[in-house]
C-alpha atoms as a PDB file:
ATOM      1  CA  MET A   1     -32.305 -18.364   7.481  1.00  0.00           C
ATOM      2  CA  ILE A   2     -32.136 -20.142   4.118  1.00  0.00           C
ATOM      3  CA  ASP A   3     -35.197 -22.153   5.123  1.00  0.00           C
ATOM      4  CA  TYR A   4     -37.268 -18.976   5.430  1.00  0.00           C
ATOM      5  CA  ILE A   5     -35.964 -17.580   2.149  1.00  0.00           C
ATOM      6  CA  ILE A   6     -37.020 -20.769   0.389  1.00  0.00           C
ATOM      7  CA  LEU A   7     -40.432 -20.834   2.069  1.00  0.00           C
ATOM      8  CA  GLY A   8     -40.979 -17.178   1.173  1.00  0.00           C
ATOM      9  CA  PHE A   9     -40.121 -17.755  -2.468  1.00  0.00           C
ATOM     10  CA  LEU A  10     -42.355 -20.830  -2.631  1.00  0.00           C
ATOM     11  CA  LEU A  11     -45.263 -18.774  -1.307  1.00  0.00           C
ATOM     12  CA  ASP A  12     -45.176 -16.943  -4.635  1.00  0.00           C
ATOM     13  CA  LYS A  13     -44.800 -19.939  -6.952  1.00  0.00           C
ATOM     14  CA  GLU A  14     -43.440 -23.440  -7.401  1.00  0.00           C
ATOM     15  CA  MET A  15     -39.707 -23.482  -8.062  1.00  0.00           C
ATOM     16  CA  THR A  16     -36.759 -25.785  -8.654  1.00  0.00           C
ATOM     17  CA  GLY A  17     -33.570 -25.498  -6.616  1.00  0.00           C
ATOM     18  CA  TYR A  18     -31.996 -23.758  -9.595  1.00  0.00           C
ATOM     19  CA  ASP A  19     -34.911 -21.284  -9.766  1.00  0.00           C
ATOM     20  CA  ILE A  20     -34.447 -20.525  -6.070  1.00  0.00           C
ATOM     21  CA  LYS A  21     -30.729 -19.794  -6.553  1.00  0.00           C
ATOM     22  CA  GLN A  22     -31.456 -17.500  -9.509  1.00  0.00           C
ATOM     23  CA  LYS A  23     -34.095 -15.647  -7.468  1.00  0.00           C
ATOM     24  CA  ILE A  24     -31.630 -15.222  -4.596  1.00  0.00           C
ATOM     25  CA  ASN A  25     -29.064 -13.773  -7.014  1.00  0.00           C
ATOM     26  CA  VAL A  26     -31.416 -10.928  -7.986  1.00  0.00           C
ATOM     27  CA  SER A  27     -33.153 -10.384  -4.663  1.00  0.00           C
ATOM     28  CA  THR A  28     -31.731 -11.309  -1.267  1.00  0.00           C
ATOM     29  CA  ALA A  29     -28.056 -11.731  -2.233  1.00  0.00           C
ATOM     30  CA  ASN A  30     -27.211  -8.178  -1.187  1.00  0.00           C
ATOM     31  CA  PHE A  31     -28.029  -9.067   2.422  1.00  0.00           C
ATOM     32  CA  TYR A  32     -28.315 -12.876   2.468  1.00  0.00           C
ATOM     33  CA  ASP A  33     -26.692 -15.021  -0.196  1.00  0.00           C
ATOM     34  CA  ALA A  34     -26.793 -18.790  -0.451  1.00  0.00           C
ATOM     35  CA  SER A  35     -25.033 -21.391  -2.544  1.00  0.00           C
ATOM     36  CA  PHE A  36     -26.457 -24.507  -4.149  1.00  0.00           C
ATOM     37  CA  GLY A  37     -24.583 -26.339  -1.386  1.00  0.00           C
ATOM     38  CA  SER A  38     -26.888 -24.789   1.213  1.00  0.00           C
ATOM     39  CA  ILE A  39     -30.084 -24.623  -0.877  1.00  0.00           C
ATOM     40  CA  TYR A  40     -30.398 -28.328  -1.692  1.00  0.00           C
ATOM     41  CA  PRO A  41     -29.849 -29.594   1.878  1.00  0.00           C
ATOM     42  CA  ALA A  42     -32.400 -27.003   3.061  1.00  0.00           C
ATOM     43  CA  LEU A  43     -34.915 -28.250   0.486  1.00  0.00           C
ATOM     44  CA  LYS A  44     -34.431 -31.829   1.740  1.00  0.00           C
ATOM     45  CA  ARG A  45     -34.795 -30.684   5.347  1.00  0.00           C
ATOM     46  CA  LEU A  46     -37.967 -28.696   4.609  1.00  0.00           C
ATOM     47  CA  GLU A  47     -39.438 -31.652   2.759  1.00  0.00           C
ATOM     48  CA  ALA A  48     -38.605 -34.003   5.660  1.00  0.00           C
ATOM     49  CA  GLN A  49     -40.357 -31.552   8.015  1.00  0.00           C
ATOM     50  CA  LYS A  50     -43.444 -31.662   5.754  1.00  0.00           C
ATOM     51  CA  LEU A  51     -43.208 -27.918   5.068  1.00  0.00           C
ATOM     52  CA  ILE A  52     -42.776 -28.413   1.320  1.00  0.00           C
ATOM     53  CA  VAL A  53     -43.278 -31.206  -1.185  1.00  0.00           C
ATOM     54  CA  SER A  54     -41.538 -31.947  -4.461  1.00  0.00           C
ATOM     55  CA  LYS A  55     -42.740 -33.472  -7.673  1.00  0.00           C
ATOM     56  CA  LYS A  56     -40.598 -34.849 -10.447  1.00  0.00           C
ATOM     57  CA  SER A  57     -40.779 -33.193 -13.835  1.00  0.00           C
ATOM     58  CA  ILE A  58     -38.926 -33.606 -17.100  1.00  0.00           C
ATOM     59  CA  LYS A  59     -37.777 -30.452 -18.859  1.00  0.00           C
ATOM     60  CA  LYS A  60     -35.602 -30.640 -21.964  1.00  0.00           C
ATOM     61  CA  GLY A  61     -34.887 -34.295 -21.231  1.00  0.00           C
ATOM     62  CA  LYS A  62     -33.706 -33.624 -17.663  1.00  0.00           C
ATOM     63  CA  PHE A  63     -35.371 -34.661 -14.429  1.00  0.00           C
ATOM     64  CA  LYS A  64     -36.154 -31.735 -12.180  1.00  0.00           C
ATOM     65  CA  ASN A  65     -37.637 -31.529  -8.708  1.00  0.00           C
ATOM     66  CA  ILE A  66     -40.255 -28.809  -8.528  1.00  0.00           C
ATOM     67  CA  TYR A  67     -40.993 -27.686  -4.979  1.00  0.00           C
ATOM     68  CA  HIS A  68     -44.343 -26.507  -3.646  1.00  0.00           C
ATOM     69  CA  ILE A  69     -45.089 -25.089  -0.193  1.00  0.00           C
ATOM     70  CA  LEU A  70     -47.571 -26.920   2.040  1.00  0.00           C
ATOM     71  CA  ASN A  71     -49.971 -25.320   4.528  1.00  0.00           C
ATOM     72  CA  LEU A  72     -47.647 -26.081   7.455  1.00  0.00           C
ATOM     73  CA  GLY A  73     -44.794 -24.425   5.552  1.00  0.00           C
ATOM     74  CA  ARG A  74     -46.948 -21.392   4.843  1.00  0.00           C
ATOM     75  CA  GLN A  75     -47.890 -21.095   8.521  1.00  0.00           C
ATOM     76  CA  THR A  76     -44.302 -21.622   9.683  1.00  0.00           C
ATOM     77  CA  PHE A  77     -43.116 -18.875   7.351  1.00  0.00           C
ATOM     78  CA  LEU A  78     -45.869 -16.438   8.354  1.00  0.00           C
ATOM     79  CA  ASP A  79     -45.225 -17.071  12.057  1.00  0.00           C
ATOM     80  CA  TRP A  80     -41.559 -16.202  11.494  1.00  0.00           C
ATOM     81  CA  VAL A  81     -42.304 -13.051   9.447  1.00  0.00           C
ATOM     82  CA  LYS A  82     -44.674 -11.813  12.162  1.00  0.00           C
ATOM     83  CA  GLU A  83     -41.985 -12.004  14.849  1.00  0.00           C
ATOM     84  CA  PRO A  84     -40.664  -8.581  15.939  1.00  0.00           C
ATOM     85  CA  LEU A  85     -37.630  -7.250  14.069  1.00  0.00           C
ATOM     86  CA  VAL A  86     -34.440  -7.785  16.051  1.00  0.00           C
ATOM     87  CA  LEU A  87     -31.093  -6.080  15.597  1.00  0.00           C
ATOM     88  CA  HIS A  88     -28.321  -8.651  15.902  1.00  0.00           C
ATOM     89  CA  GLN A  89     -24.773  -7.732  16.708  1.00  0.00           C
ATOM     90  CA  SER A  90     -23.020  -7.825  13.377  1.00  0.00           C
ATOM     91  CA  ARG A  91     -19.777  -9.631  12.714  1.00  0.00           C
ATOM     92  CA  ASN A  92     -17.826  -7.458  10.337  1.00  0.00           C
ATOM     93  CA  GLU A  93     -14.464  -8.996   9.624  1.00  0.00           C
ATOM     94  CA  TYR A  94     -13.358  -5.787   7.946  1.00  0.00           C
ATOM     95  CA  LEU A  95     -13.885  -3.849  11.192  1.00  0.00           C
ATOM     96  CA  LEU A  96     -12.043  -6.514  13.143  1.00  0.00           C
ATOM     97  CA  LYS A  97      -9.059  -6.181  10.824  1.00  0.00           C
ATOM     98  CA  ILE A  98      -9.150  -2.378  11.072  1.00  0.00           C
ATOM     99  CA  PHE A  99      -9.129  -2.720  14.856  1.00  0.00           C
ATOM    100  CA  PHE A 100      -5.639  -4.226  14.503  1.00  0.00           C
ATOM    101  CA  TYR A 101      -4.338  -2.033  11.669  1.00  0.00           C
ATOM    102  CA  ARG A 102      -1.929  -0.344  14.084  1.00  0.00           C
ATOM    103  CA  HIS A 103       0.376  -3.263  13.226  1.00  0.00           C
ATOM    104  CA  LEU A 104       0.544  -2.217   9.547  1.00  0.00           C
ATOM    105  CA  SER A 105       2.361   0.614   7.848  1.00  0.00           C
ATOM    106  CA  LYS A 106       0.473   3.658   6.628  1.00  0.00           C
ATOM    107  CA  GLU A 107       0.976   2.509   3.027  1.00  0.00           C
ATOM    108  CA  GLU A 108      -0.496  -0.921   3.795  1.00  0.00           C
ATOM    109  CA  VAL A 109      -3.483   0.593   5.585  1.00  0.00           C
ATOM    110  CA  VAL A 110      -4.194   3.065   2.793  1.00  0.00           C
ATOM    111  CA  SER A 111      -3.839   0.313   0.197  1.00  0.00           C
ATOM    112  CA  ARG A 112      -6.244  -2.023   2.032  1.00  0.00           C
ATOM    113  CA  ILE A 113      -8.831   0.714   2.565  1.00  0.00           C
ATOM    114  CA  THR A 114      -8.557   1.880  -1.050  1.00  0.00           C
ATOM    115  CA  GLN A 115      -9.046  -1.697  -2.279  1.00  0.00           C
ATOM    116  CA  PHE A 116     -12.061  -2.069  -0.003  1.00  0.00           C
ATOM    117  CA  ILE A 117     -13.631   1.135  -1.338  1.00  0.00           C
ATOM    118  CA  LYS A 118     -13.174  -0.238  -4.860  1.00  0.00           C
ATOM    119  CA  LEU A 119     -14.840  -3.514  -3.843  1.00  0.00           C
ATOM    120  CA  LEU A 120     -17.757  -1.675  -2.221  1.00  0.00           C
ATOM    121  CA  SER A 121     -18.171   0.404  -5.376  1.00  0.00           C
ATOM    122  CA  GLU A 122     -18.295  -2.776  -7.482  1.00  0.00           C
ATOM    123  CA  TYR A 123     -20.933  -4.302  -5.182  1.00  0.00           C
ATOM    124  CA  LYS A 124     -22.985  -1.142  -5.375  1.00  0.00           C
ATOM    125  CA  GLU A 125     -22.659  -1.050  -9.163  1.00  0.00           C
ATOM    126  CA  ASN A 126     -23.896  -4.652  -9.354  1.00  0.00           C
ATOM    127  CA  LEU A 127     -27.034  -3.619  -7.478  1.00  0.00           C
ATOM    128  CA  VAL A 128     -27.482  -0.614  -9.759  1.00  0.00           C
ATOM    129  CA  LYS A 129     -27.256  -2.944 -12.776  1.00  0.00           C
ATOM    130  CA  ILE A 130     -29.930  -5.341 -11.503  1.00  0.00           C
ATOM    131  CA  GLU A 131     -32.216  -2.593 -10.190  1.00  0.00           C
ATOM    132  CA  PRO A 132     -34.284  -2.296 -13.429  1.00  0.00           C
ATOM    133  CA  LEU A 133     -34.805  -6.069 -13.574  1.00  0.00           C
ATOM    134  CA  VAL A 134     -35.726  -6.247  -9.909  1.00  0.00           C
ATOM    135  CA  ALA A 135     -38.032  -3.224 -10.198  1.00  0.00           C
ATOM    136  CA  SER A 136     -39.982  -4.934 -12.971  1.00  0.00           C
ATOM    137  CA  GLN A 137     -40.604  -8.009 -10.802  1.00  0.00           C
ATOM    138  CA  ALA A 138     -40.468  -6.866  -7.186  1.00  0.00           C
ATOM    139  CA  ASP A 139     -43.038  -5.397  -4.868  1.00  0.00           C
ATOM    140  CA  PHE A 140     -42.574  -2.321  -2.667  1.00  0.00           C
ATOM    141  CA  PHE A 141     -41.049  -4.266   0.230  1.00  0.00           C
ATOM    142  CA  GLN A 142     -38.642  -6.203  -1.965  1.00  0.00           C
ATOM    143  CA  MET A 143     -37.511  -2.974  -3.625  1.00  0.00           C
ATOM    144  CA  SER A 144     -37.012  -1.477  -0.166  1.00  0.00           C
ATOM    145  CA  THR A 145     -34.363  -4.094   0.597  1.00  0.00           C
ATOM    146  CA  LEU A 146     -32.561  -3.297  -2.659  1.00  0.00           C
ATOM    147  CA  ARG A 147     -32.622   0.407  -1.814  1.00  0.00           C
ATOM    148  CA  TYR A 148     -31.292  -0.436   1.643  1.00  0.00           C
ATOM    149  CA  GLY A 149     -28.401  -2.265  -0.010  1.00  0.00           C
ATOM    150  CA  LEU A 150     -27.666   0.689  -2.292  1.00  0.00           C
ATOM    151  CA  ASP A 151     -27.819   3.147   0.607  1.00  0.00           C
ATOM    152  CA  ASN A 152     -25.694   0.886   2.804  1.00  0.00           C
ATOM    153  CA  TYR A 153     -22.966   0.545   0.187  1.00  0.00           C
ATOM    154  CA  GLN A 154     -23.008   4.305  -0.399  1.00  0.00           C
ATOM    155  CA  PHE A 155     -22.718   4.924   3.347  1.00  0.00           C
ATOM    156  CA  LEU A 156     -19.735   2.570   3.573  1.00  0.00           C
ATOM    157  CA  ILE A 157     -18.050   4.136   0.534  1.00  0.00           C
ATOM    158  CA  ASP A 158     -18.504   7.632   2.001  1.00  0.00           C
ATOM    159  CA  TRP A 159     -17.360   6.535   5.455  1.00  0.00           C
ATOM    160  CA  PHE A 160     -14.207   4.857   4.184  1.00  0.00           C
ATOM    161  CA  GLN A 161     -13.346   7.798   1.924  1.00  0.00           C
ATOM    162  CA  LYS A 162     -13.549  10.092   4.966  1.00  0.00           C
ATOM    163  CA  TYR A 163     -11.588   7.516   6.947  1.00  0.00           C
ATOM    164  CA  LEU A 164      -8.708   7.764   4.443  1.00  0.00           C
ATOM    165  CA  ILE A 165      -8.503  11.492   5.212  1.00  0.00           C
ATOM    166  CA  ILE A 166      -8.515  10.796   8.947  1.00  0.00           C
ATOM    167  CA  ILE A 167      -5.802   8.149   8.516  1.00  0.00           C
ATOM    168  CA  ASP A 168      -3.636  10.666   6.693  1.00  0.00           C
ATOM    169  CA  GLN A 169      -4.157  13.187   9.499  1.00  0.00           C
ATOM    170  CA  GLU A 170      -3.327  10.604  12.181  1.00  0.00           C
ATOM    171  CA  TYR A 171      -0.125   9.527  10.512  1.00  0.00           C
ATOM    172  CA  SER A 172       0.835  13.185   9.939  1.00  0.00           C
ATOM    173  CA  LYS A 173       0.803  13.705  13.729  1.00  0.00           C
ATOM    174  CA  THR A 174       3.429  11.009  14.249  1.00  0.00           C
ATOM    175  CA  GLU A 175       5.708  11.854  11.314  1.00  0.00           C
END
């Protein structure tokens, strides 16, 4: 997936690996994040496949590789984007843990869920903070993915808050 993110970004402009990471941080990170440890190997792979090319540049006394997409890279990316949308079965570790929460006390369950709600709220707040920056640079479709992230976090927060009430009711039956 990182290959397509890189190709998509390079369709807009030439970028360094650092530029790509910064762009990810304010764009796709809410649904697909990547580290420098995955970006740089992907750049090498894409260059070996002749989908992109790099040129050396010196900025502030430092050598930088600036990457540019080639026609084959453009076509590869567009072929991928044109494929039908597919819903993949998600792997949510938090749901897997909840599946086995019967092995925890009520206090432990409530504590874990409360912590998770706090974490979700922080993630949502991070998106709210970057929204003005993203809005000034993003197109309609890019903003749609940010709104999806905001709505998704709000859904999860609401769901888990209701779930705390249900947990309390369930434990009340057995007490």
